[in-house]
């Protein structure tokens, strides 16, 4: 559980783009992009897996082990925070959400494919 603004407890971790970049290099988490196909085609994090938010529940079985580190991303962080909650509710235990989404990723100067 993670605290948000010192009061609300979140079941997932909000992670900066820079922290995610380091984890990708060192720990190889599964990155799930919950945007739509056309958004993903415009640019995405290398190695990320596209599962639009509307399909998360139906694709739970293809995500893998519930204790694997999974980091979700969308355009701004809103859809991915919803996806993070959904995954936590399905029993996944190591969920992260990229702060600021792809917009935050680009503002940090990190590459897209």
PDB file of N, CA and C in Angstrom:
ATOM      1  N   UNK A   1       0.834  -1.180   0.000  1.00  0.00           N
ATOM      2  CA  UNK A   1       0.000   0.000   0.000  1.00  0.00           C
ATOM      3  C   UNK A   1       0.881   1.247   0.000  1.00  0.00           C
ATOM      4  N   UNK A   2       0.451   2.259  -0.690  1.00  0.00           N
ATOM      5  CA  UNK A   2       1.221   3.480  -0.817  1.00  0.00           C
ATOM      6  C   UNK A   2       0.346   4.670  -0.457  1.00  0.00           C
ATOM      7  N   UNK A   3       0.929   5.654   0.205  1.00  0.00           N
ATOM      8  CA  UNK A   3       0.192   6.845   0.628  1.00  0.00           C
ATOM      9  C   UNK A   3       0.203   7.889  -0.476  1.00  0.00           C
ATOM     10  N   UNK A   4      -0.912   8.559  -0.651  1.00  0.00           N
ATOM     11  CA  UNK A   4      -1.042   9.662  -1.585  1.00  0.00           C
ATOM     12  C   UNK A   4      -1.372  10.901  -0.782  1.00  0.00           C
ATOM     13  N   UNK A   5      -0.537  11.896  -0.861  1.00  0.00           N
ATOM     14  CA  UNK A   5      -0.743  13.150  -0.143  1.00  0.00           C
ATOM     15  C   UNK A   5      -0.926  12.932   1.348  1.00  0.00           C
ATOM     16  N   UNK A   6      -0.291  11.894   1.887  1.00  0.00           N
ATOM     17  CA  UNK A   6      -0.291  11.662   3.316  1.00  0.00           C
ATOM     18  C   UNK A   6      -1.583  11.129   3.903  1.00  0.00           C
ATOM     19  N   UNK A   7      -2.605  10.888   3.086  1.00  0.00           N
ATOM     20  CA  UNK A   7      -3.853  10.422   3.681  1.00  0.00           C
ATOM     21  C   UNK A   7      -4.430   9.202   2.981  1.00  0.00           C
ATOM     22  N   UNK A   8      -4.641   9.269   1.685  1.00  0.00           N
ATOM     23  CA  UNK A   8      -5.266   8.170   0.962  1.00  0.00           C
ATOM     24  C   UNK A   8      -4.226   7.082   0.682  1.00  0.00           C
ATOM     25  N   UNK A   9      -4.577   5.855   0.992  1.00  0.00           N
ATOM     26  CA  UNK A   9      -3.688   4.736   0.727  1.00  0.00           C
ATOM     27  C   UNK A   9      -4.044   4.117  -0.620  1.00  0.00           C
ATOM     28  N   UNK A  10      -3.035   4.005  -1.487  1.00  0.00           N
ATOM     29  CA  UNK A  10      -3.227   3.398  -2.800  1.00  0.00           C
ATOM     30  C   UNK A  10      -2.702   1.966  -2.777  1.00  0.00           C
ATOM     31  N   UNK A  11      -3.336   1.071  -3.520  1.00  0.00           N
ATOM     32  CA  UNK A  11      -2.848  -0.312  -3.573  1.00  0.00           C
ATOM     33  C   UNK A  11      -1.692  -0.493  -4.551  1.00  0.00           C
ATOM     34  N   UNK A  12      -1.277   0.576  -5.215  1.00  0.00           N
ATOM     35  CA  UNK A  12      -0.192   0.529  -6.185  1.00  0.00           C
ATOM     36  C   UNK A  12       0.750   1.704  -5.939  1.00  0.00           C
ATOM     37  N   UNK A  13       1.888   1.676  -6.623  1.00  0.00           N
ATOM     38  CA  UNK A  13       2.918   2.703  -6.460  1.00  0.00           C
ATOM     39  C   UNK A  13       2.902   3.656  -7.656  1.00  0.00           C
ATOM     40  N   UNK A  14       2.903   4.963  -7.401  1.00  0.00           N
ATOM     41  CA  UNK A  14       3.104   5.952  -8.462  1.00  0.00           C
ATOM     42  C   UNK A  14       4.603   6.145  -8.613  1.00  0.00           C
ATOM     43  N   UNK A  15       5.119   6.002  -9.842  1.00  0.00           N
ATOM     44  CA  UNK A  15       6.552   5.996 -10.088  1.00  0.00           C
ATOM     45  C   UNK A  15       6.891   7.054 -11.135  1.00  0.00           C
ATOM     46  N   UNK A  16       7.973   7.789 -10.908  1.00  0.00           N
ATOM     47  CA  UNK A  16       8.391   8.783 -11.888  1.00  0.00           C
ATOM     48  C   UNK A  16       8.902   8.096 -13.146  1.00  0.00           C
ATOM     49  N   UNK A  17       8.829   8.791 -14.277  1.00  0.00           N
ATOM     50  CA  UNK A  17       9.378   8.211 -15.507  1.00  0.00           C
ATOM     51  C   UNK A  17      10.853   7.822 -15.372  1.00  0.00           C
ATOM     52  N   UNK A  18      11.633   8.635 -14.676  1.00  0.00           N
ATOM     53  CA  UNK A  18      13.051   8.332 -14.503  1.00  0.00           C
ATOM     54  C   UNK A  18      13.250   7.039 -13.707  1.00  0.00           C
ATOM     55  N   UNK A  19      12.437   6.829 -12.665  1.00  0.00           N
ATOM     56  CA  UNK A  19      12.515   5.591 -11.884  1.00  0.00           C
ATOM     57  C   UNK A  19      12.130   4.385 -12.744  1.00  0.00           C
ATOM     58  N   UNK A  20      11.111   4.555 -13.568  1.00  0.00           N
ATOM     59  CA  UNK A  20      10.679   3.465 -14.448  1.00  0.00           C
ATOM     60  C   UNK A  20      11.785   3.125 -15.438  1.00  0.00           C
ATOM     61  N   UNK A  21      12.418   4.140 -16.008  1.00  0.00           N
ATOM     62  CA  UNK A  21      13.522   3.911 -16.943  1.00  0.00           C
ATOM     63  C   UNK A  21      14.619   3.077 -16.285  1.00  0.00           C
ATOM     64  N   UNK A  22      14.965   3.380 -15.038  1.00  0.00           N
ATOM     65  CA  UNK A  22      15.977   2.602 -14.315  1.00  0.00           C
ATOM     66  C   UNK A  22      15.506   1.171 -14.064  1.00  0.00           C
ATOM     67  N   UNK A  23      14.240   1.015 -13.702  1.00  0.00           N
ATOM     68  CA  UNK A  23      13.717  -0.339 -13.463  1.00  0.00           C
ATOM     69  C   UNK A  23      13.723  -1.164 -14.743  1.00  0.00           C
ATOM     70  N   UNK A  24      13.408  -0.534 -15.867  1.00  0.00           N
ATOM     71  CA  UNK A  24      13.427  -1.248 -17.145  1.00  0.00           C
ATOM     72  C   UNK A  24      14.837  -1.775 -17.413  1.00  0.00           C
ATOM     73  N   UNK A  25      15.838  -0.965 -17.139  1.00  0.00           N
ATOM     74  CA  UNK A  25      17.228  -1.355 -17.378  1.00  0.00           C
ATOM     75  C   UNK A  25      17.695  -2.437 -16.410  1.00  0.00           C
ATOM     76  N   UNK A  26      17.230  -2.389 -15.160  1.00  0.00           N
ATOM     77  CA  UNK A  26      17.765  -3.267 -14.118  1.00  0.00           C
ATOM     78  C   UNK A  26      16.873  -4.446 -13.738  1.00  0.00           C
ATOM     79  N   UNK A  27      15.563  -4.265 -13.783  1.00  0.00           N
ATOM     80  CA  UNK A  27      14.662  -5.287 -13.243  1.00  0.00           C
ATOM     81  C   UNK A  27      13.737  -5.912 -14.266  1.00  0.00           C
ATOM     82  N   UNK A  28      13.619  -5.327 -15.421  1.00  0.00           N
ATOM     83  CA  UNK A  28      12.788  -5.865 -16.507  1.00  0.00           C
ATOM     84  C   UNK A  28      11.315  -6.082 -16.117  1.00  0.00           C
ATOM     85  N   UNK A  29      10.634  -5.039 -15.619  1.00  0.00           N
ATOM     86  CA  UNK A  29       9.205  -5.202 -15.320  1.00  0.00           C
ATOM     87  C   UNK A  29       8.403  -5.321 -16.622  1.00  0.00           C
ATOM     88  N   UNK A  30       7.204  -5.814 -16.504  1.00  0.00           N
ATOM     89  CA  UNK A  30       6.274  -5.822 -17.632  1.00  0.00           C
ATOM     90  C   UNK A  30       5.641  -4.438 -17.691  1.00  0.00           C
ATOM     91  N   UNK A  31       5.765  -3.762 -18.828  1.00  0.00           N
ATOM     92  CA  UNK A  31       5.141  -2.452 -19.024  1.00  0.00           C
ATOM     93  C   UNK A  31       3.878  -2.680 -19.852  1.00  0.00           C
ATOM     94  N   UNK A  32       2.742  -2.311 -19.286  1.00  0.00           N
ATOM     95  CA  UNK A  32       1.465  -2.431 -19.994  1.00  0.00           C
ATOM     96  C   UNK A  32       0.970  -1.044 -20.341  1.00  0.00           C
ATOM     97  N   UNK A  33       0.782  -0.804 -21.631  1.00  0.00           N
ATOM     98  CA  UNK A  33       0.268   0.460 -22.136  1.00  0.00           C
ATOM     99  C   UNK A  33      -1.235   0.283 -22.328  1.00  0.00           C
ATOM    100  N   UNK A  34      -2.032   1.080 -21.615  1.00  0.00           N
ATOM    101  CA  UNK A  34      -3.488   0.899 -21.635  1.00  0.00           C
ATOM    102  C   UNK A  34      -4.198   1.886 -22.563  1.00  0.00           C
ATOM    103  N   UNK A  35      -3.428   2.547 -23.424  1.00  0.00           N
ATOM    104  CA  UNK A  35      -4.041   3.454 -24.393  1.00  0.00           C
ATOM    105  C   UNK A  35      -4.673   2.658 -25.535  1.00  0.00           C
ATOM    106  N   UNK A  36      -5.255   3.354 -26.468  1.00  0.00           N
ATOM    107  CA  UNK A  36      -5.862   2.717 -27.638  1.00  0.00           C
ATOM    108  C   UNK A  36      -4.789   2.455 -28.703  1.00  0.00           C
ATOM    109  N   UNK A  37      -5.123   1.601 -29.671  1.00  0.00           N
ATOM    110  CA  UNK A  37      -4.175   1.212 -30.721  1.00  0.00           C
ATOM    111  C   UNK A  37      -3.554   2.416 -31.420  1.00  0.00           C
ATOM    112  N   UNK A  38      -4.371   3.388 -31.813  1.00  0.00           N
ATOM    113  CA  UNK A  38      -3.858   4.536 -32.550  1.00  0.00           C
ATOM    114  C   UNK A  38      -2.900   5.370 -31.695  1.00  0.00           C
ATOM    115  N   UNK A  39      -3.131   5.441 -30.389  1.00  0.00           N
ATOM    116  CA  UNK A  39      -2.233   6.181 -29.500  1.00  0.00           C
ATOM    117  C   UNK A  39      -0.897   5.450 -29.379  1.00  0.00           C
ATOM    118  N   UNK A  40      -0.972   4.147 -29.212  1.00  0.00           N
ATOM    119  CA  UNK A  40       0.222   3.315 -29.093  1.00  0.00           C
ATOM    120  C   UNK A  40       1.072   3.433 -30.356  1.00  0.00           C
ATOM    121  N   UNK A  41       0.412   3.439 -31.517  1.00  0.00           N
ATOM    122  CA  UNK A  41       1.123   3.537 -32.797  1.00  0.00           C
ATOM    123  C   UNK A  41       1.854   4.864 -32.951  1.00  0.00           C
ATOM    124  N   UNK A  42       1.398   5.896 -32.264  1.00  0.00           N
ATOM    125  CA  UNK A  42       2.041   7.211 -32.347  1.00  0.00           C
ATOM    126  C   UNK A  42       3.346   7.268 -31.556  1.00  0.00           C
ATOM    127  N   UNK A  43       3.571   6.323 -30.677  1.00  0.00           N
ATOM    128  CA  UNK A  43       4.789   6.258 -29.887  1.00  0.00           C
ATOM    129  C   UNK A  43       4.530   5.574 -28.565  1.00  0.00           C
ATOM    130  N   UNK A  44       5.429   4.670 -28.193  1.00  0.00           N
ATOM    131  CA  UNK A  44       5.265   3.898 -26.963  1.00  0.00           C
ATOM    132  C   UNK A  44       6.627   3.547 -26.375  1.00  0.00           C
ATOM    133  N   UNK A  45       6.621   3.106 -25.135  1.00  0.00           N
ATOM    134  CA  UNK A  45       7.849   2.695 -24.467  1.00  0.00           C
ATOM    135  C   UNK A  45       8.305   1.372 -25.076  1.00  0.00           C
ATOM    136  N   UNK A  46       9.576   1.314 -25.435  1.00  0.00           N
ATOM    137  CA  UNK A  46      10.130   0.111 -26.056  1.00  0.00           C
ATOM    138  C   UNK A  46       9.858  -1.109 -25.176  1.00  0.00           C
ATOM    139  N   UNK A  47       9.323  -2.155 -25.796  1.00  0.00           N
ATOM    140  CA  UNK A  47       9.052  -3.398 -25.092  1.00  0.00           C
ATOM    141  C   UNK A  47       7.731  -3.446 -24.361  1.00  0.00           C
ATOM    142  N   UNK A  48       6.987  -2.329 -24.393  1.00  0.00           N
ATOM    143  CA  UNK A  48       5.700  -2.328 -23.687  1.00  0.00           C
ATOM    144  C   UNK A  48       4.688  -3.194 -24.429  1.00  0.00           C
ATOM    145  N   UNK A  49       3.718  -3.683 -23.669  1.00  0.00           N
ATOM    146  CA  UNK A  49       2.658  -4.530 -24.218  1.00  0.00           C
ATOM    147  C   UNK A  49       1.375  -3.709 -24.244  1.00  0.00           C
ATOM    148  N   UNK A  50       0.733  -3.646 -25.394  1.00  0.00           N
ATOM    149  CA  UNK A  50      -0.518  -2.908 -25.531  1.00  0.00           C
ATOM    150  C   UNK A  50      -1.696  -3.758 -25.069  1.00  0.00           C
ATOM    151  N   UNK A  51      -2.371  -3.285 -24.040  1.00  0.00           N
ATOM    152  CA  UNK A  51      -3.647  -3.863 -23.613  1.00  0.00           C
ATOM    153  C   UNK A  51      -4.543  -2.671 -23.268  1.00  0.00           C
ATOM    154  N   UNK A  52      -5.382  -2.230 -24.213  1.00  0.00           N
ATOM    155  CA  UNK A  52      -6.237  -1.085 -23.929  1.00  0.00           C
ATOM    156  C   UNK A  52      -7.054  -1.293 -22.642  1.00  0.00           C
ATOM    157  N   UNK A  53      -7.292  -0.212 -21.941  1.00  0.00           N
ATOM    158  CA  UNK A  53      -8.010  -0.282 -20.667  1.00  0.00           C
ATOM    159  C   UNK A  53      -9.306  -1.077 -20.791  1.00  0.00           C
ATOM    160  N   UNK A  54     -10.023  -0.907 -21.888  1.00  0.00           N
ATOM    161  CA  UNK A  54     -11.296  -1.609 -22.074  1.00  0.00           C
ATOM    162  C   UNK A  54     -11.126  -3.128 -22.156  1.00  0.00           C
ATOM    163  N   UNK A  55      -9.883  -3.607 -22.338  1.00  0.00           N
ATOM    164  CA  UNK A  55      -9.637  -5.043 -22.475  1.00  0.00           C
ATOM    165  C   UNK A  55      -8.909  -5.661 -21.282  1.00  0.00           C
ATOM    166  N   UNK A  56      -8.544  -4.841 -20.297  1.00  0.00           N
ATOM    167  CA  UNK A  56      -7.747  -5.347 -19.167  1.00  0.00           C
ATOM    168  C   UNK A  56      -8.408  -6.554 -18.508  1.00  0.00           C
ATOM    169  N   UNK A  57      -9.667  -6.444 -18.146  1.00  0.00           N
ATOM    170  CA  UNK A  57     -10.335  -7.557 -17.446  1.00  0.00           C
ATOM    171  C   UNK A  57     -10.369  -8.828 -18.274  1.00  0.00           C
ATOM    172  N   UNK A  58     -10.559  -8.714 -19.573  1.00  0.00           N
ATOM    173  CA  UNK A  58     -10.625  -9.911 -20.415  1.00  0.00           C
ATOM    174  C   UNK A  58      -9.254 -10.484 -20.735  1.00  0.00           C
ATOM    175  N   UNK A  59      -8.178  -9.747 -20.474  1.00  0.00           N
ATOM    176  CA  UNK A  59      -6.824 -10.212 -20.776  1.00  0.00           C
ATOM    177  C   UNK A  59      -6.019 -10.551 -19.519  1.00  0.00           C
ATOM    178  N   UNK A  60      -6.664 -10.606 -18.361  1.00  0.00           N
ATOM    179  CA  UNK A  60      -5.967 -10.906 -17.104  1.00  0.00           C
ATOM    180  C   UNK A  60      -5.127 -12.178 -17.231  1.00  0.00           C
ATOM    181  N   UNK A  61      -5.665 -13.180 -17.916  1.00  0.00           N
ATOM    182  CA  UNK A  61      -4.974 -14.473 -18.009  1.00  0.00           C
ATOM    183  C   UNK A  61      -3.700 -14.433 -18.853  1.00  0.00           C
ATOM    184  N   UNK A  62      -3.514 -13.415 -19.693  1.00  0.00           N
ATOM    185  CA  UNK A  62      -2.301 -13.340 -20.509  1.00  0.00           C
ATOM    186  C   UNK A  62      -1.222 -12.454 -19.879  1.00  0.00           C
ATOM    187  N   UNK A  63      -1.541 -11.817 -18.770  1.00  0.00           N
ATOM    188  CA  UNK A  63      -0.590 -10.901 -18.128  1.00  0.00           C
ATOM    189  C   UNK A  63       0.528 -11.665 -17.428  1.00  0.00           C
ATOM    190  N   UNK A  64       0.217 -12.792 -16.833  1.00  0.00           N
ATOM    191  CA  UNK A  64       1.262 -13.594 -16.205  1.00  0.00           C
ATOM    192  C   UNK A  64       1.145 -13.657 -14.699  1.00  0.00           C
ATOM    193  N   UNK A  65       2.272 -13.949 -14.061  1.00  0.00           N
ATOM    194  CA  UNK A  65       2.318 -14.175 -12.612  1.00  0.00           C
ATOM    195  C   UNK A  65       1.849 -12.945 -11.841  1.00  0.00           C
ATOM    196  N   UNK A  66       1.072 -13.187 -10.814  1.00  0.00           N
ATOM    197  CA  UNK A  66       0.512 -12.091 -10.030  1.00  0.00           C
ATOM    198  C   UNK A  66       1.537 -11.394  -9.144  1.00  0.00           C
ATOM    199  N   UNK A  67       2.733 -11.987  -8.990  1.00  0.00           N
ATOM    200  CA  UNK A  67       3.766 -11.336  -8.185  1.00  0.00           C
ATOM    201  C   UNK A  67       4.860 -10.695  -9.045  1.00  0.00           C
ATOM    202  N   UNK A  68       4.690 -10.699 -10.366  1.00  0.00           N
ATOM    203  CA  UNK A  68       5.635 -10.042 -11.260  1.00  0.00           C
ATOM    204  C   UNK A  68       5.436  -8.533 -11.177  1.00  0.00           C
ATOM    205  N   UNK A  69       6.525  -7.775 -11.282  1.00  0.00           N
ATOM    206  CA  UNK A  69       6.385  -6.317 -11.298  1.00  0.00           C
ATOM    207  C   UNK A  69       5.763  -5.889 -12.618  1.00  0.00           C
ATOM    208  N   UNK A  70       4.663  -5.144 -12.508  1.00  0.00           N
ATOM    209  CA  UNK A  70       3.937  -4.638 -13.670  1.00  0.00           C
ATOM    210  C   UNK A  70       3.803  -3.129 -13.502  1.00  0.00           C
ATOM    211  N   UNK A  71       4.136  -2.405 -14.562  1.00  0.00           N
ATOM    212  CA  UNK A  71       3.997  -0.954 -14.553  1.00  0.00           C
ATOM    213  C   UNK A  71       3.060  -0.582 -15.689  1.00  0.00           C
ATOM    214  N   UNK A  72       2.030   0.201 -15.371  1.00  0.00           N
ATOM    215  CA  UNK A  72       1.043   0.598 -16.371  1.00  0.00           C
ATOM    216  C   UNK A  72       1.245   2.059 -16.765  1.00  0.00           C
ATOM    217  N   UNK A  73       0.905   2.346 -18.009  1.00  0.00           N
ATOM    218  CA  UNK A  73       1.070   3.698 -18.549  1.00  0.00           C
ATOM    219  C   UNK A  73      -0.078   4.010 -19.500  1.00  0.00           C
ATOM    220  N   UNK A  74      -0.443   5.278 -19.541  1.00  0.00           N
ATOM    221  CA  UNK A  74      -1.416   5.775 -20.516  1.00  0.00           C
ATOM    222  C   UNK A  74      -0.906   7.129 -21.006  1.00  0.00           C
ATOM    223  N   UNK A  75      -1.773   7.976 -21.478  1.00  0.00           N
ATOM    224  CA  UNK A  75      -1.350   9.285 -21.973  1.00  0.00           C
ATOM    225  C   UNK A  75      -0.907  10.203 -20.841  1.00  0.00           C
ATOM    226  N   UNK A  76      -1.741  10.304 -19.776  1.00  0.00           N
ATOM    227  CA  UNK A  76      -1.456  11.281 -18.718  1.00  0.00           C
ATOM    228  C   UNK A  76      -1.375  10.686 -17.315  1.00  0.00           C
ATOM    229  N   UNK A  77      -1.780   9.444 -17.152  1.00  0.00           N
ATOM    230  CA  UNK A  77      -1.752   8.807 -15.838  1.00  0.00           C
ATOM    231  C   UNK A  77      -3.120   8.495 -15.273  1.00  0.00           C
ATOM    232  N   UNK A  78      -4.164   8.947 -15.915  1.00  0.00           N
ATOM    233  CA  UNK A  78      -5.523   8.719 -15.412  1.00  0.00           C
ATOM    234  C   UNK A  78      -6.022   7.301 -15.708  1.00  0.00           C
ATOM    235  N   UNK A  79      -6.009   6.907 -16.981  1.00  0.00           N
ATOM    236  CA  UNK A  79      -6.458   5.551 -17.336  1.00  0.00           C
ATOM    237  C   UNK A  79      -5.565   4.497 -16.696  1.00  0.00           C
ATOM    238  N   UNK A  80      -4.263   4.781 -16.626  1.00  0.00           N
ATOM    239  CA  UNK A  80      -3.350   3.794 -16.049  1.00  0.00           C
ATOM    240  C   UNK A  80      -3.576   3.642 -14.547  1.00  0.00           C
ATOM    241  N   UNK A  81      -3.979   4.709 -13.853  1.00  0.00           N
ATOM    242  CA  UNK A  81      -4.276   4.563 -12.422  1.00  0.00           C
ATOM    243  C   UNK A  81      -5.518   3.699 -12.242  1.00  0.00           C
ATOM    244  N   UNK A  82      -6.472   3.825 -13.144  1.00  0.00           N
ATOM    245  CA  UNK A  82      -7.663   2.965 -13.102  1.00  0.00           C
ATOM    246  C   UNK A  82      -7.256   1.513 -13.371  1.00  0.00           C
ATOM    247  N   UNK A  83      -6.391   1.302 -14.363  1.00  0.00           N
ATOM    248  CA  UNK A  83      -5.910  -0.048 -14.675  1.00  0.00           C
ATOM    249  C   UNK A  83      -5.133  -0.631 -13.499  1.00  0.00           C
ATOM    250  N   UNK A  84      -4.317   0.201 -12.842  1.00  0.00           N
ATOM    251  CA  UNK A  84      -3.550  -0.261 -11.679  1.00  0.00           C
ATOM    252  C   UNK A  84      -4.489  -0.751 -10.585  1.00  0.00           C
ATOM    253  N   UNK A  85      -5.553  -0.006 -10.330  1.00  0.00           N
ATOM    254  CA  UNK A  85      -6.550  -0.440  -9.343  1.00  0.00           C
ATOM    255  C   UNK A  85      -7.201  -1.755  -9.747  1.00  0.00           C
ATOM    256  N   UNK A  86      -7.561  -1.874 -11.020  1.00  0.00           N
ATOM    257  CA  UNK A  86      -8.182  -3.114 -11.510  1.00  0.00           C
ATOM    258  C   UNK A  86      -7.252  -4.306 -11.296  1.00  0.00           C
ATOM    259  N   UNK A  87      -5.974  -4.135 -11.625  1.00  0.00           N
ATOM    260  CA  UNK A  87      -5.013  -5.226 -11.463  1.00  0.00           C
ATOM    261  C   UNK A  87      -4.836  -5.586  -9.988  1.00  0.00           C
ATOM    262  N   UNK A  88      -4.757  -4.587  -9.133  1.00  0.00           N
ATOM    263  CA  UNK A  88      -4.648  -4.852  -7.688  1.00  0.00           C
ATOM    264  C   UNK A  88      -5.868  -5.616  -7.194  1.00  0.00           C
ATOM    265  N   UNK A  89      -7.040  -5.234  -7.679  1.00  0.00           N
ATOM    266  CA  UNK A  89      -8.276  -5.920  -7.275  1.00  0.00           C
ATOM    267  C   UNK A  89      -8.325  -7.361  -7.771  1.00  0.00           C
ATOM    268  N   UNK A  90      -7.541  -7.675  -8.804  1.00  0.00           N
ATOM    269  CA  UNK A  90      -7.476  -9.039  -9.335  1.00  0.00           C
ATOM    270  C   UNK A  90      -6.364  -9.853  -8.660  1.00  0.00           C
ATOM    271  N   UNK A  91      -5.688  -9.263  -7.673  1.00  0.00           N
ATOM    272  CA  UNK A  91      -4.689 -10.002  -6.914  1.00  0.00           C
ATOM    273  C   UNK A  91      -3.242  -9.779  -7.306  1.00  0.00           C
ATOM    274  N   UNK A  92      -2.977  -8.893  -8.269  1.00  0.00           N
ATOM    275  CA  UNK A  92      -1.602  -8.579  -8.629  1.00  0.00           C
ATOM    276  C   UNK A  92      -1.007  -7.732  -7.505  1.00  0.00           C
ATOM    277  N   UNK A  93       0.220  -8.043  -7.116  1.00  0.00           N
ATOM    278  CA  UNK A  93       0.775  -7.456  -5.895  1.00  0.00           C
ATOM    279  C   UNK A  93       1.875  -6.429  -6.107  1.00  0.00           C
ATOM    280  N   UNK A  94       2.454  -6.349  -7.297  1.00  0.00           N
ATOM    281  CA  UNK A  94       3.557  -5.414  -7.536  1.00  0.00           C
ATOM    282  C   UNK A  94       3.225  -4.532  -8.728  1.00  0.00           C
ATOM    283  N   UNK A  95       2.320  -3.595  -8.505  1.00  0.00           N
ATOM    284  CA  UNK A  95       1.805  -2.739  -9.573  1.00  0.00           C
ATOM    285  C   UNK A  95       2.327  -1.318  -9.397  1.00  0.00           C
ATOM    286  N   UNK A  96       2.768  -0.744 -10.500  1.00  0.00           N
ATOM    287  CA  UNK A  96       3.194   0.647 -10.522  1.00  0.00           C
ATOM    288  C   UNK A  96       2.462   1.407 -11.613  1.00  0.00           C
ATOM    289  N   UNK A  97       2.346   2.711 -11.428  1.00  0.00           N
ATOM    290  CA  UNK A  97       1.705   3.602 -12.382  1.00  0.00           C
ATOM    291  C   UNK A  97       2.694   4.718 -12.694  1.00  0.00           C
ATOM    292  N   UNK A  98       2.955   4.974 -13.970  1.00  0.00           N
ATOM    293  CA  UNK A  98       3.898   6.027 -14.339  1.00  0.00           C
ATOM    294  C   UNK A  98       3.246   7.394 -14.141  1.00  0.00           C
ATOM    295  N   UNK A  99       3.847   8.193 -13.255  1.00  0.00           N
ATOM    296  CA  UNK A  99       3.353   9.556 -13.014  1.00  0.00           C
ATOM    297  C   UNK A  99       3.420  10.359 -14.312  1.00  0.00           C
ATOM    298  N   UNK A 100       2.301  10.938 -14.680  1.00  0.00           N
ATOM    299  CA  UNK A 100       2.269  11.782 -15.873  1.00  0.00           C
ATOM    300  C   UNK A 100       2.147  11.039 -17.182  1.00  0.00           C
ATOM    301  N   UNK A 101       2.111   9.701 -17.132  1.00  0.00           N
ATOM    302  CA  UNK A 101       1.930   8.898 -18.338  1.00  0.00           C
ATOM    303  C   UNK A 101       2.999   9.143 -19.396  1.00  0.00           C
ATOM    304  N   UNK A 102       2.610   8.925 -20.647  1.00  0.00           N
ATOM    305  CA  UNK A 102       3.527   9.123 -21.776  1.00  0.00           C
ATOM    306  C   UNK A 102       3.933  10.596 -21.870  1.00  0.00           C
ATOM    307  N   UNK A 103       3.032  11.493 -21.505  1.00  0.00           N
ATOM    308  CA  UNK A 103       3.383  12.924 -21.511  1.00  0.00           C
ATOM    309  C   UNK A 103       4.548  13.160 -20.553  1.00  0.00           C
ATOM    310  N   UNK A 104       4.471  12.624 -19.341  1.00  0.00           N
ATOM    311  CA  UNK A 104       5.553  12.756 -18.373  1.00  0.00           C
ATOM    312  C   UNK A 104       6.823  12.092 -18.864  1.00  0.00           C
ATOM    313  N   UNK A 105       6.686  10.949 -19.519  1.00  0.00           N
ATOM    314  CA  UNK A 105       7.826  10.217 -20.078  1.00  0.00           C
ATOM    315  C   UNK A 105       8.562  11.097 -21.098  1.00  0.00           C
ATOM    316  N   UNK A 106       7.792  11.710 -21.999  1.00  0.00           N
ATOM    317  CA  UNK A 106       8.399  12.567 -23.024  1.00  0.00           C
ATOM    318  C   UNK A 106       9.007  13.824 -22.398  1.00  0.00           C
ATOM    319  N   UNK A 107       8.336  14.413 -21.430  1.00  0.00           N
ATOM    320  CA  UNK A 107       8.870  15.605 -20.756  1.00  0.00           C
ATOM    321  C   UNK A 107      10.186  15.304 -20.052  1.00  0.00           C
ATOM    322  N   UNK A 108      10.358  14.059 -19.629  1.00  0.00           N
ATOM    323  CA  UNK A 108      11.608  13.640 -18.984  1.00  0.00           C
ATOM    324  C   UNK A 108      12.703  13.370 -20.012  1.00  0.00           C
ATOM    325  N   UNK A 109      12.359  13.481 -21.283  1.00  0.00           N
ATOM    326  CA  UNK A 109      13.351  13.277 -22.352  1.00  0.00           C
ATOM    327  C   UNK A 109      13.659  11.822 -22.635  1.00  0.00           C
ATOM    328  N   UNK A 110      12.750  10.945 -22.248  1.00  0.00           N
ATOM    329  CA  UNK A 110      12.965   9.504 -22.437  1.00  0.00           C
ATOM    330  C   UNK A 110      12.442   9.076 -23.814  1.00  0.00           C
ATOM    331  N   UNK A 111      13.049   8.064 -24.417  1.00  0.00           N
ATOM    332  CA  UNK A 111      12.719   7.699 -25.806  1.00  0.00           C
ATOM    333  C   UNK A 111      11.418   6.906 -25.943  1.00  0.00           C
ATOM    334  N   UNK A 112      10.809   7.084 -27.102  1.00  0.00           N
ATOM    335  CA  UNK A 112       9.646   6.299 -27.515  1.00  0.00           C
ATOM    336  C   UNK A 112       9.995   5.568 -28.796  1.00  0.00           C
ATOM    337  N   UNK A 113       9.314   4.464 -28.998  1.00  0.00           N
ATOM    338  CA  UNK A 113       9.444   3.736 -30.271  1.00  0.00           C
ATOM    339  C   UNK A 113       8.332   4.177 -31.190  1.00  0.00           C
TER     340      UNK A 113
END
